[in-house]
Structures are given as structure tokens and as C-alpha cells.
PDB file of N, CA and C in Angstrom:
ATOM      1  N   MET A   1      22.425 -19.865  11.415  1.00  0.00           N
ATOM      2  CA  MET A   1      22.284 -18.433  11.660  1.00  0.00           C
ATOM      3  C   MET A   1      21.185 -17.820  10.777  1.00  0.00           C
ATOM      4  N   GLU A   2      21.111 -18.293   9.532  1.00  0.00           N
ATOM      5  CA  GLU A   2      20.107 -17.750   8.621  1.00  0.00           C
ATOM      6  C   GLU A   2      18.693 -18.105   9.093  1.00  0.00           C
ATOM      7  N   LEU A   3      18.529 -19.300   9.630  1.00  0.00           N
ATOM      8  CA  LEU A   3      17.225 -19.708  10.134  1.00  0.00           C
ATOM      9  C   LEU A   3      16.790 -18.831  11.308  1.00  0.00           C
ATOM     10  N   ALA A   4      17.726 -18.478  12.163  1.00  0.00           N
ATOM     11  CA  ALA A   4      17.407 -17.615  13.300  1.00  0.00           C
ATOM     12  C   ALA A   4      16.950 -16.233  12.829  1.00  0.00           C
ATOM     13  N   LEU A   5      17.572 -15.704  11.794  1.00  0.00           N
ATOM     14  CA  LEU A   5      17.161 -14.402  11.250  1.00  0.00           C
ATOM     15  C   LEU A   5      15.762 -14.477  10.640  1.00  0.00           C
ATOM     16  N   GLN A   6      15.456 -15.566   9.970  1.00  0.00           N
ATOM     17  CA  GLN A   6      14.125 -15.722   9.383  1.00  0.00           C
ATOM     18  C   GLN A   6      13.063 -15.827  10.467  1.00  0.00           C
ATOM     19  N   ILE A   7      13.372 -16.574  11.524  1.00  0.00           N
ATOM     20  CA  ILE A   7      12.420 -16.702  12.625  1.00  0.00           C
ATOM     21  C   ILE A   7      12.225 -15.362  13.317  1.00  0.00           C
ATOM     22  N   ALA A   8      13.319 -14.631  13.547  1.00  0.00           N
ATOM     23  CA  ALA A   8      13.210 -13.318  14.185  1.00  0.00           C
ATOM     24  C   ALA A   8      12.411 -12.351  13.318  1.00  0.00           C
ATOM     25  N   SER A   9      12.617 -12.401  12.020  1.00  0.00           N
ATOM     26  CA  SER A   9      11.856 -11.537  11.113  1.00  0.00           C
ATOM     27  C   SER A   9      10.374 -11.882  11.147  1.00  0.00           C
ATOM     28  N   ALA A  10      10.055 -13.164  11.154  1.00  0.00           N
ATOM     29  CA  ALA A  10       8.654 -13.585  11.210  1.00  0.00           C
ATOM     30  C   ALA A  10       8.005 -13.138  12.512  1.00  0.00           C
ATOM     31  N   VAL A  11       8.732 -13.254  13.621  1.00  0.00           N
ATOM     32  CA  VAL A  11       8.197 -12.819  14.915  1.00  0.00           C
ATOM     33  C   VAL A  11       7.933 -11.314  14.905  1.00  0.00           C
ATOM     34  N   LEU A  12       8.857 -10.544  14.337  1.00  0.00           N
ATOM     35  CA  LEU A  12       8.671  -9.094  14.272  1.00  0.00           C
ATOM     36  C   LEU A  12       7.478  -8.709  13.405  1.00  0.00           C
ATOM     37  N   VAL A  13       7.291  -9.412  12.304  1.00  0.00           N
ATOM     38  CA  VAL A  13       6.146  -9.115  11.433  1.00  0.00           C
ATOM     39  C   VAL A  13       4.838  -9.417  12.158  1.00  0.00           C
ATOM     40  N   VAL A  14       4.777 -10.541  12.849  1.00  0.00           N
ATOM     41  CA  VAL A  14       3.564 -10.890  13.587  1.00  0.00           C
ATOM     42  C   VAL A  14       3.303  -9.875  14.691  1.00  0.00           C
ATOM     43  N   MET A  15       4.356  -9.467  15.410  1.00  0.00           N
ATOM     44  CA  MET A  15       4.184  -8.463  16.469  1.00  0.00           C
ATOM     45  C   MET A  15       3.679  -7.144  15.887  1.00  0.00           C
ATOM     46  N   MET A  16       4.205  -6.751  14.731  1.00  0.00           N
ATOM     47  CA  MET A  16       3.772  -5.509  14.102  1.00  0.00           C
ATOM     48  C   MET A  16       2.290  -5.592  13.739  1.00  0.00           C
ATOM     49  N   LEU A  17       1.860  -6.726  13.184  1.00  0.00           N
ATOM     50  CA  LEU A  17       0.456  -6.888  12.829  1.00  0.00           C
ATOM     51  C   LEU A  17      -0.437  -6.861  14.067  1.00  0.00           C
ATOM     52  N   VAL A  18       0.023  -7.471  15.149  1.00  0.00           N
ATOM     53  CA  VAL A  18      -0.776  -7.484  16.385  1.00  0.00           C
ATOM     54  C   VAL A  18      -0.935  -6.072  16.928  1.00  0.00           C
ATOM     55  N   PHE A  19       0.120  -5.279  16.886  1.00  0.00           N
ATOM     56  CA  PHE A  19       0.043  -3.919  17.421  1.00  0.00           C
ATOM     57  C   PHE A  19      -0.705  -2.962  16.496  1.00  0.00           C
ATOM     58  N   LEU A  20      -0.665  -3.201  15.184  1.00  0.00           N
ATOM     59  CA  LEU A  20      -1.325  -2.298  14.249  1.00  0.00           C
ATOM     60  C   LEU A  20      -2.804  -2.609  14.046  1.00  0.00           C
ATOM     61  N   TYR A  21      -3.240  -3.823  14.373  1.00  0.00           N
ATOM     62  CA  TYR A  21      -4.629  -4.223  14.125  1.00  0.00           C
ATOM     63  C   TYR A  21      -5.654  -3.319  14.811  1.00  0.00           C
ATOM     64  N   PRO A  22      -5.500  -2.991  16.102  1.00  0.00           N
ATOM     65  CA  PRO A  22      -6.523  -2.125  16.730  1.00  0.00           C
ATOM     66  C   PRO A  22      -6.628  -0.748  16.071  1.00  0.00           C
ATOM     67  N   THR A  23      -5.509  -0.194  15.688  1.00  0.00           N
ATOM     68  CA  THR A  23      -5.529   1.120  15.037  1.00  0.00           C
ATOM     69  C   THR A  23      -6.201   1.027  13.674  1.00  0.00           C
ATOM     70  N   ALA A  24      -5.871   0.010  12.904  1.00  0.00           N
ATOM     71  CA  ALA A  24      -6.489  -0.155  11.593  1.00  0.00           C
ATOM     72  C   ALA A  24      -7.991  -0.393  11.717  1.00  0.00           C
ATOM     73  N   LYS A  25      -8.401  -1.135  12.724  1.00  0.00           N
ATOM     74  CA  LYS A  25      -9.831  -1.385  12.934  1.00  0.00           C
ATOM     75  C   LYS A  25     -10.556  -0.083  13.267  1.00  0.00           C
ATOM     76  N   GLN A  26      -9.943   0.745  14.095  1.00  0.00           N
ATOM     77  CA  GLN A  26     -10.554   2.032  14.446  1.00  0.00           C
ATOM     78  C   GLN A  26     -10.644   2.932  13.219  1.00  0.00           C
ATOM     79  N   TRP A  27      -9.602   2.958  12.405  1.00  0.00           N
ATOM     80  CA  TRP A  27      -9.630   3.774  11.191  1.00  0.00           C
ATOM     81  C   TRP A  27     -10.733   3.324  10.246  1.00  0.00           C
ATOM     82  N   MET A  28     -10.933   2.015  10.144  1.00  0.00           N
ATOM     83  CA  MET A  28     -11.965   1.513   9.240  1.00  0.00           C
ATOM     84  C   MET A  28     -13.374   1.861   9.730  1.00  0.00           C
ATOM     85  N   THR A  29     -13.578   1.860  11.044  1.00  0.00           N
ATOM     86  CA  THR A  29     -14.927   2.152  11.550  1.00  0.00           C
ATOM     87  C   THR A  29     -15.192   3.647  11.638  1.00  0.00           C
ATOM     88  N   ASN A  30     -14.179   4.453  11.974  1.00  0.00           N
ATOM     89  CA  ASN A  30     -14.394   5.883  12.187  1.00  0.00           C
ATOM     90  C   ASN A  30     -13.862   6.756  11.062  1.00  0.00           C
ATOM     91  N   GLY A  31     -13.390   6.153   9.999  1.00  0.00           N
ATOM     92  CA  GLY A  31     -12.818   6.924   8.897  1.00  0.00           C
ATOM     93  C   GLY A  31     -13.887   7.589   8.053  1.00  0.00           C
ATOM     94  N   PRO A  32     -13.470   8.473   7.149  1.00  0.00           N
ATOM     95  CA  PRO A  32     -14.445   9.136   6.278  1.00  0.00           C
ATOM     96  C   PRO A  32     -15.061   8.147   5.295  1.00  0.00           C
ATOM     97  N   LYS A  33     -16.316   8.353   4.977  1.00  0.00           N
ATOM     98  CA  LYS A  33     -17.022   7.485   4.036  1.00  0.00           C
ATOM     99  C   LYS A  33     -16.839   8.012   2.613  1.00  0.00           C
ATOM    100  N   ALA A  34     -16.802   7.104   1.655  1.00  0.00           N
ATOM    101  CA  ALA A  34     -16.583   7.475   0.254  1.00  0.00           C
ATOM    102  C   ALA A  34     -17.820   8.157  -0.310  1.00  0.00           C
ATOM    103  N   LYS A  35     -17.576   9.113  -1.171  1.00  0.00           N
ATOM    104  CA  LYS A  35     -18.642   9.833  -1.854  1.00  0.00           C
ATOM    105  C   LYS A  35     -18.656   9.404  -3.325  1.00  0.00           C
ATOM    106  N   PRO A  36     -19.692   9.737  -4.078  1.00  0.00           N
ATOM    107  CA  PRO A  36     -19.784   9.261  -5.467  1.00  0.00           C
ATOM    108  C   PRO A  36     -18.604   9.645  -6.368  1.00  0.00           C
ATOM    109  N   GLY A  37     -18.003  10.807  -6.217  1.00  0.00           N
ATOM    110  CA  GLY A  37     -16.929  11.219  -7.117  1.00  0.00           C
ATOM    111  C   GLY A  37     -15.532  10.842  -6.661  1.00  0.00           C
ATOM    112  N   ASP A  38     -15.427  10.115  -5.559  1.00  0.00           N
ATOM    113  CA  ASP A  38     -14.109   9.801  -5.014  1.00  0.00           C
ATOM    114  C   ASP A  38     -13.306   8.858  -5.899  1.00  0.00           C
ATOM    115  N   TRP A  39     -13.959   7.891  -6.557  1.00  0.00           N
ATOM    116  CA  TRP A  39     -13.218   6.963  -7.399  1.00  0.00           C
ATOM    117  C   TRP A  39     -12.574   7.682  -8.570  1.00  0.00           C
ATOM    118  N   ARG A  40     -13.292   8.598  -9.174  1.00  0.00           N
ATOM    119  CA  ARG A  40     -12.732   9.333 -10.304  1.00  0.00           C
ATOM    120  C   ARG A  40     -11.560  10.198  -9.841  1.00  0.00           C
ATOM    121  N   SER A  41     -11.685  10.784  -8.672  1.00  0.00           N
ATOM    122  CA  SER A  41     -10.612  11.624  -8.147  1.00  0.00           C
ATOM    123  C   SER A  41      -9.362  10.808  -7.847  1.00  0.00           C
ATOM    124  N   ALA A  42      -9.515   9.561  -7.467  1.00  0.00           N
ATOM    125  CA  ALA A  42      -8.360   8.710  -7.193  1.00  0.00           C
ATOM    126  C   ALA A  42      -7.826   8.077  -8.477  1.00  0.00           C
ATOM    127  N   LEU A  43      -8.695   7.806  -9.429  1.00  0.00           N
ATOM    128  CA  LEU A  43      -8.299   7.101 -10.642  1.00  0.00           C
ATOM    129  C   LEU A  43      -7.482   7.973 -11.593  1.00  0.00           C
ATOM    130  N   ILE A  44      -7.788   9.249 -11.676  1.00  0.00           N
ATOM    131  CA  ILE A  44      -7.076  10.136 -12.603  1.00  0.00           C
ATOM    132  C   ILE A  44      -5.583  10.235 -12.267  1.00  0.00           C
ATOM    133  N   PRO A  45      -5.179  10.499 -11.023  1.00  0.00           N
ATOM    134  CA  PRO A  45      -3.735  10.526 -10.737  1.00  0.00           C
ATOM    135  C   PRO A  45      -3.059   9.170 -10.950  1.00  0.00           C
ATOM    136  N   LEU A  46      -3.761   8.069 -10.642  1.00  0.00           N
ATOM    137  CA  LEU A  46      -3.178   6.751 -10.867  1.00  0.00           C
ATOM    138  C   LEU A  46      -2.929   6.495 -12.352  1.00  0.00           C
ATOM    139  N   LEU A  47      -3.871   6.902 -13.181  1.00  0.00           N
ATOM    140  CA  LEU A  47      -3.687   6.746 -14.625  1.00  0.00           C
ATOM    141  C   LEU A  47      -2.554   7.627 -15.143  1.00  0.00           C
ATOM    142  N   LEU A  48      -2.447   8.831 -14.612  1.00  0.00           N
ATOM    143  CA  LEU A  48      -1.353   9.708 -15.027  1.00  0.00           C
ATOM    144  C   LEU A  48       0.008   9.131 -14.648  1.00  0.00           C
ATOM    145  N   VAL A  49       0.124   8.599 -13.455  1.00  0.00           N
ATOM    146  CA  VAL A  49       1.391   7.999 -13.028  1.00  0.00           C
ATOM    147  C   VAL A  49       1.707   6.764 -13.867  1.00  0.00           C
ATOM    148  N   THR A  50       0.684   5.936 -14.134  1.00  0.00           N
ATOM    149  CA  THR A  50       0.891   4.745 -14.959  1.00  0.00           C
ATOM    150  C   THR A  50       1.338   5.131 -16.371  1.00  0.00           C
ATOM    151  N   GLY A  51       0.719   6.144 -16.941  1.00  0.00           N
ATOM    152  CA  GLY A  51       1.129   6.617 -18.261  1.00  0.00           C
ATOM    153  C   GLY A  51       2.545   7.162 -18.269  1.00  0.00           C
ATOM    154  N   PHE A  52       2.922   7.878 -17.214  1.00  0.00           N
ATOM    155  CA  PHE A  52       4.276   8.423 -17.129  1.00  0.00           C
ATOM    156  C   PHE A  52       5.302   7.304 -17.020  1.00  0.00           C
ATOM    157  N   VAL A  53       4.997   6.292 -16.220  1.00  0.00           N
ATOM    158  CA  VAL A  53       5.922   5.159 -16.087  1.00  0.00           C
ATOM    159  C   VAL A  53       6.037   4.410 -17.411  1.00  0.00           C
ATOM    160  N   ALA A  54       4.922   4.225 -18.111  1.00  0.00           N
ATOM    161  CA  ALA A  54       4.963   3.565 -19.421  1.00  0.00           C
ATOM    162  C   ALA A  54       5.798   4.378 -20.400  1.00  0.00           C
ATOM    163  N   LEU A  55       5.669   5.692 -20.361  1.00  0.00           N
ATOM    164  CA  LEU A  55       6.485   6.556 -21.219  1.00  0.00           C
ATOM    165  C   LEU A  55       7.967   6.402 -20.905  1.00  0.00           C
ATOM    166  N   LEU A  56       8.306   6.366 -19.620  1.00  0.00           N
ATOM    167  CA  LEU A  56       9.710   6.190 -19.235  1.00  0.00           C
ATOM    168  C   LEU A  56      10.248   4.836 -19.687  1.00  0.00           C
ATOM    169  N   VAL A  57       9.441   3.796 -19.593  1.00  0.00           N
ATOM    170  CA  VAL A  57       9.875   2.460 -20.054  1.00  0.00           C
ATOM    171  C   VAL A  57      10.108   2.462 -21.548  1.00  0.00           C
ATOM    172  N   MET A  58       9.210   3.093 -22.302  1.00  0.00           N
ATOM    173  CA  MET A  58       9.380   3.146 -23.756  1.00  0.00           C
ATOM    174  C   MET A  58      10.622   3.956 -24.126  1.00  0.00           C
ATOM    175  N   LEU A  59      10.897   5.044 -23.430  1.00  0.00           N
ATOM    176  CA  LEU A  59      12.082   5.840 -23.716  1.00  0.00           C
ATOM    177  C   LEU A  59      13.366   5.102 -23.344  1.00  0.00           C
ATOM    178  N   ALA A  60      13.321   4.296 -22.305  1.00  0.00           N
ATOM    179  CA  ALA A  60      14.507   3.557 -21.894  1.00  0.00           C
ATOM    180  C   ALA A  60      14.833   2.416 -22.846  1.00  0.00           C
ATOM    181  N   ARG A  61      13.835   1.864 -23.510  1.00  0.00           N
ATOM    182  CA  ARG A  61      14.068   0.766 -24.442  1.00  0.00           C
ATOM    183  C   ARG A  61      14.699   1.232 -25.737  1.00  0.00           C
ATOM    184  N   SER A  62      14.464   2.448 -26.139  1.00  0.00           N
ATOM    185  CA  SER A  62      14.991   2.908 -27.442  1.00  0.00           C
ATOM    186  C   SER A  62      16.382   3.471 -27.324  1.00  0.00           C
TER     187      SER A  62
END
């Protein structure tokens, strides 16, 4: 029974990838292009979240 569930899960994942590929390809070709300041705009919130998570880990250890 467990093998059947694994096979069914694998089939569903492959089907999902097959159906999502055309949409992802269209998004990549027709999506907005990056500008020079975009990396900094994305990096600042990521660093803030990483710092907050590190703070929570340090507080949980003590």
C-alpha cells in the first residue's frame, strides 16, 4: 500500500510540473526585467528576516 501511495505522489508531481511548465515559461519571457537597484531592494528584507530569526533562536536557547 505504501508503494502505491509513493507512485501516486510521484505521478501527481510530474503532472503538476507538466501543467505548470508553459505558464512558468511565459512568465520568464514576458515578465518584468530587473533594474540596477532591485537586488538591494530584495536583499534588505531578507537580511531583516534572517536577523529576526537569529534573534529568536538566541532567545529560545537562553
